[in-house]
N, C-alpha and C. Protein backbone atom coordinates (compact mmCIF):
# COMPACT_ATOMS: atom_id res chain seq x y z
N MET A 1 91.79 152.82 44.94
CA MET A 1 91.08 153.60 43.69
C MET A 1 92.37 154.91 43.61
N ALA A 2 92.91 154.76 43.16
CA ALA A 2 93.96 157.05 42.35
C ALA A 2 92.50 157.98 42.82
N LYS A 3 92.43 158.37 43.71
CA LYS A 3 91.50 159.97 43.25
C LYS A 3 91.96 160.43 42.12
N THR A 4 90.88 160.93 41.39
CA THR A 4 91.41 162.45 40.02
C THR A 4 91.97 163.85 40.85
N ARG A 5 92.90 163.87 40.36
CA ARG A 5 93.56 164.71 40.31
C ARG A 5 92.42 166.33 39.62
N ARG A 6 92.37 167.32 40.07
CA ARG A 6 91.68 168.42 39.32
C ARG A 6 92.72 169.60 39.69
N GLU A 7 92.17 170.74 38.47
CA GLU A 7 93.01 172.03 38.12
C GLU A 7 92.91 172.34 37.68
N PHE A 8 92.87 173.75 38.93
CA PHE A 8 91.69 174.96 39.17
C PHE A 8 92.30 175.92 39.56
N ILE A 9 92.59 177.49 38.38
CA ILE A 9 92.80 178.34 38.40
C ILE A 9 92.02 179.51 38.97
N GLN A 10 92.65 180.45 39.93
CA GLN A 10 91.80 181.52 40.16
C GLN A 10 93.30 182.38 39.87
N ALA A 11 92.58 183.56 39.10
CA ALA A 11 93.43 184.49 39.10
C ALA A 11 92.98 186.33 38.77
N THR A 12 93.67 186.63 39.06
CA THR A 12 93.06 188.35 38.98
C THR A 12 93.57 189.38 37.87
N ALA A 13 93.62 190.41 37.21
CA ALA A 13 94.52 190.65 36.39
C ALA A 13 93.70 191.88 36.41
N SER A 14 94.11 193.61 36.04
CA SER A 14 93.97 194.49 35.64
C SER A 14 93.76 194.73 34.32
N GLY A 15 92.79 196.31 33.82
CA GLY A 15 92.94 196.40 32.84
C GLY A 15 91.44 195.84 32.21
N GLY A 16 90.77 195.11 32.58
CA GLY A 16 89.45 194.91 31.34
C GLY A 16 89.95 194.24 30.70
N ASN A 17 88.29 194.57 29.88
CA ASN A 17 88.70 194.98 28.04
C ASN A 17 89.82 195.41 27.92
N SER A 18 90.25 196.69 27.99
CA SER A 18 90.58 197.72 27.51
C SER A 18 92.19 196.65 27.17
N THR A 19 92.18 195.68 28.18
CA THR A 19 93.89 195.14 28.29
C THR A 19 93.55 193.28 27.31
N TYR A 20 92.65 193.09 27.56
CA TYR A 20 92.01 191.52 27.79
C TYR A 20 90.95 191.55 26.61
N GLY A 21 91.06 190.77 25.56
CA GLY A 21 89.98 190.89 24.83
C GLY A 21 90.95 190.89 22.86
N LYS A 22 89.79 190.50 22.16
CA LYS A 22 90.39 190.15 20.63
C LYS A 22 91.31 191.79 20.52
N SER A 23 89.80 192.80 21.19
CA SER A 23 90.21 194.03 20.53
C SER A 23 91.14 195.18 21.96
N GLY A 24 91.95 194.56 23.31
CA GLY A 24 92.49 194.97 23.90
C GLY A 24 93.91 195.07 23.19
N ARG A 25 94.17 195.48 24.57
CA ARG A 25 95.88 195.75 23.83
C ARG A 25 96.76 194.21 23.85
N VAL A 26 95.82 193.92 24.83
CA VAL A 26 97.15 192.13 24.84
C VAL A 26 96.26 191.26 23.17
N GLY A 27 95.47 191.24 22.77
CA GLY A 27 95.10 190.99 21.72
C GLY A 27 94.75 189.09 21.88
N VAL A 28 94.65 188.34 23.55
CA VAL A 28 93.98 187.23 23.87
C VAL A 28 92.81 187.93 24.64
N ARG A 29 92.12 186.79 25.24
CA ARG A 29 91.44 186.10 26.41
C ARG A 29 92.19 186.49 27.63
N LEU A 30 91.93 186.54 28.66
CA LEU A 30 92.41 186.69 29.88
C LEU A 30 92.87 184.53 29.88
N ALA A 31 91.42 183.85 29.72
CA ALA A 31 91.57 182.68 29.63
C ALA A 31 92.05 182.12 28.87
N ASP A 32 92.36 182.70 27.63
CA ASP A 32 93.26 181.64 26.80
C ASP A 32 94.89 181.48 26.93
N LEU A 33 95.22 182.73 28.18
CA LEU A 33 96.66 182.26 28.65
C LEU A 33 97.22 181.00 29.37
N PHE A 34 95.36 180.69 29.91
CA PHE A 34 96.13 179.39 31.03
C PHE A 34 95.71 178.25 29.72
N GLU A 35 96.28 178.28 28.95
CA GLU A 35 96.08 176.77 27.87
C GLU A 35 97.11 176.25 28.33
N PRO A 36 98.22 176.50 28.42
CA PRO A 36 99.63 175.56 28.31
C PRO A 36 99.59 174.79 29.85
N MET A 37 98.51 175.57 30.72
CA MET A 37 98.32 174.95 32.39
C MET A 37 97.17 173.67 31.35
N ARG A 38 96.35 173.74 30.98
CA ARG A 38 95.30 172.80 30.51
C ARG A 38 96.15 171.83 29.75
N ALA A 39 97.00 171.98 29.31
CA ALA A 39 97.16 170.77 27.90
C ALA A 39 98.63 170.49 29.01
N THR A 40 99.27 171.13 29.82
CA THR A 40 99.55 170.34 30.93
C THR A 40 99.07 169.23 32.14
N ALA A 41 97.09 169.90 32.47
CA ALA A 41 96.78 169.37 33.70
C ALA A 41 96.28 168.18 31.90
N MET A 42 95.62 167.92 31.15
CA MET A 42 95.42 166.67 30.18
C MET A 42 97.24 165.80 30.23
N HIS A 43 97.33 166.45 29.42
CA HIS A 43 99.24 165.57 29.53
C HIS A 43 98.80 164.46 30.81
N CYS A 44 98.76 165.51 31.62
CA CYS A 44 99.48 164.21 32.95
C CYS A 44 97.67 163.88 33.23
N GLY A 45 96.34 163.68 32.99
CA GLY A 45 95.35 162.54 33.31
C GLY A 45 94.73 164.40 34.51
N MET A 46 94.90 164.84 34.61
CA MET A 46 94.17 166.17 35.21
C MET A 46 93.21 165.89 34.52
N THR A 47 91.62 166.82 35.55
CA THR A 47 91.19 167.01 35.06
C THR A 47 91.26 168.48 35.00
N TYR A 48 90.72 169.11 34.07
CA TYR A 48 91.16 170.81 33.97
C TYR A 48 89.59 171.83 34.54
N LEU A 49 89.93 171.89 35.34
CA LEU A 49 88.56 172.70 35.63
C LEU A 49 88.51 174.46 34.68
N PRO A 50 88.12 175.02 34.50
CA PRO A 50 87.61 175.80 33.81
C PRO A 50 88.39 177.07 35.12
N PRO A 51 89.30 178.20 34.55
CA PRO A 51 89.55 178.90 35.05
C PRO A 51 88.32 180.21 35.88
N LEU A 52 88.83 180.50 36.49
CA LEU A 52 88.12 181.95 37.38
C LEU A 52 88.27 183.16 37.18
N ALA A 53 88.43 183.62 36.77
CA ALA A 53 89.58 184.87 36.08
C ALA A 53 88.84 186.14 36.22
N PHE A 54 89.37 187.15 37.43
CA PHE A 54 88.09 188.27 37.75
C PHE A 54 89.24 189.54 36.92
N GLU A 55 88.80 190.80 36.32
CA GLU A 55 89.63 191.63 35.47
C GLU A 55 88.52 192.82 36.58
N GLY A 56 89.78 193.25 36.01
CA GLY A 56 89.44 195.33 37.06
C GLY A 56 88.94 194.60 38.02
N ILE A 57 88.80 194.56 38.74
CA ILE A 57 87.52 194.78 40.23
C ILE A 57 87.86 195.15 41.10
N SER A 58 86.43 195.98 41.57
CA SER A 58 86.31 197.90 41.72
C SER A 58 85.83 196.92 43.77
N ASN A 59 86.63 198.02 44.60
CA ASN A 59 85.21 197.42 45.86
C ASN A 59 84.62 197.42 45.83
N SER A 60 83.42 197.67 45.54
CA SER A 60 82.26 197.27 45.65
C SER A 60 81.87 195.75 44.45
N GLN A 61 82.79 194.91 43.80
CA GLN A 61 82.72 194.47 43.03
C GLN A 61 83.12 192.61 44.22
N ILE A 62 83.81 193.08 45.20
CA ILE A 62 84.85 192.34 45.39
C ILE A 62 83.29 190.94 46.53
N PRO A 63 82.76 191.36 46.91
CA PRO A 63 81.54 189.90 48.08
C PRO A 63 80.92 189.06 46.78
N ASN A 64 80.98 189.56 45.48
CA ASN A 64 80.41 189.54 44.15
C ASN A 64 81.70 188.33 43.89
N TYR A 65 82.36 188.53 43.82
CA TYR A 65 83.85 187.23 43.26
C TYR A 65 84.26 186.40 44.81
N GLN A 66 84.00 187.01 45.26
CA GLN A 66 84.29 186.21 46.96
C GLN A 66 82.78 184.62 46.33
N LYS A 67 82.11 185.25 46.43
CA LYS A 67 80.99 184.31 46.85
C LYS A 67 80.63 183.00 45.23
N GLN A 68 81.55 183.73 44.07
CA GLN A 68 81.63 183.35 42.87
C GLN A 68 82.43 182.16 43.60
N LEU A 69 84.26 182.49 44.33
CA LEU A 69 85.24 181.69 44.24
C LEU A 69 84.90 180.92 45.01
N ILE A 70 84.20 181.07 46.35
CA ILE A 70 83.49 180.01 46.49
C ILE A 70 82.54 178.80 47.01
N GLU A 71 82.06 179.15 46.03
CA GLU A 71 80.91 178.25 45.19
C GLU A 71 81.85 177.31 44.14
N ARG A 72 82.30 178.24 43.64
CA ARG A 72 83.24 177.24 42.80
C ARG A 72 84.44 175.98 43.81
N LEU A 73 84.86 176.77 44.33
CA LEU A 73 85.76 175.29 45.30
C LEU A 73 84.70 174.35 46.10
N MET A 74 83.71 174.86 46.68
CA MET A 74 82.44 174.29 47.27
C MET A 74 81.90 172.94 45.98
N LYS A 75 82.36 172.89 44.89
CA LYS A 75 82.45 171.87 44.22
C LYS A 75 83.23 170.69 43.88
């Protein structure tokens, strides 16, 4: 039996809310930028997992983001 392929996107972006979101400079959420990849995954019969996107990371937040990434990869 064939394994189900999964697509998981992890991204970092600077700028945070001032850049992404309805009222940001870009005008869309960071996660919305991945919609073409979701569509491609669906077309190929893959399971698309929600992206894990970190915006405007500071050094003090890195351990929390590392924990989140490890948890997602272990699923």
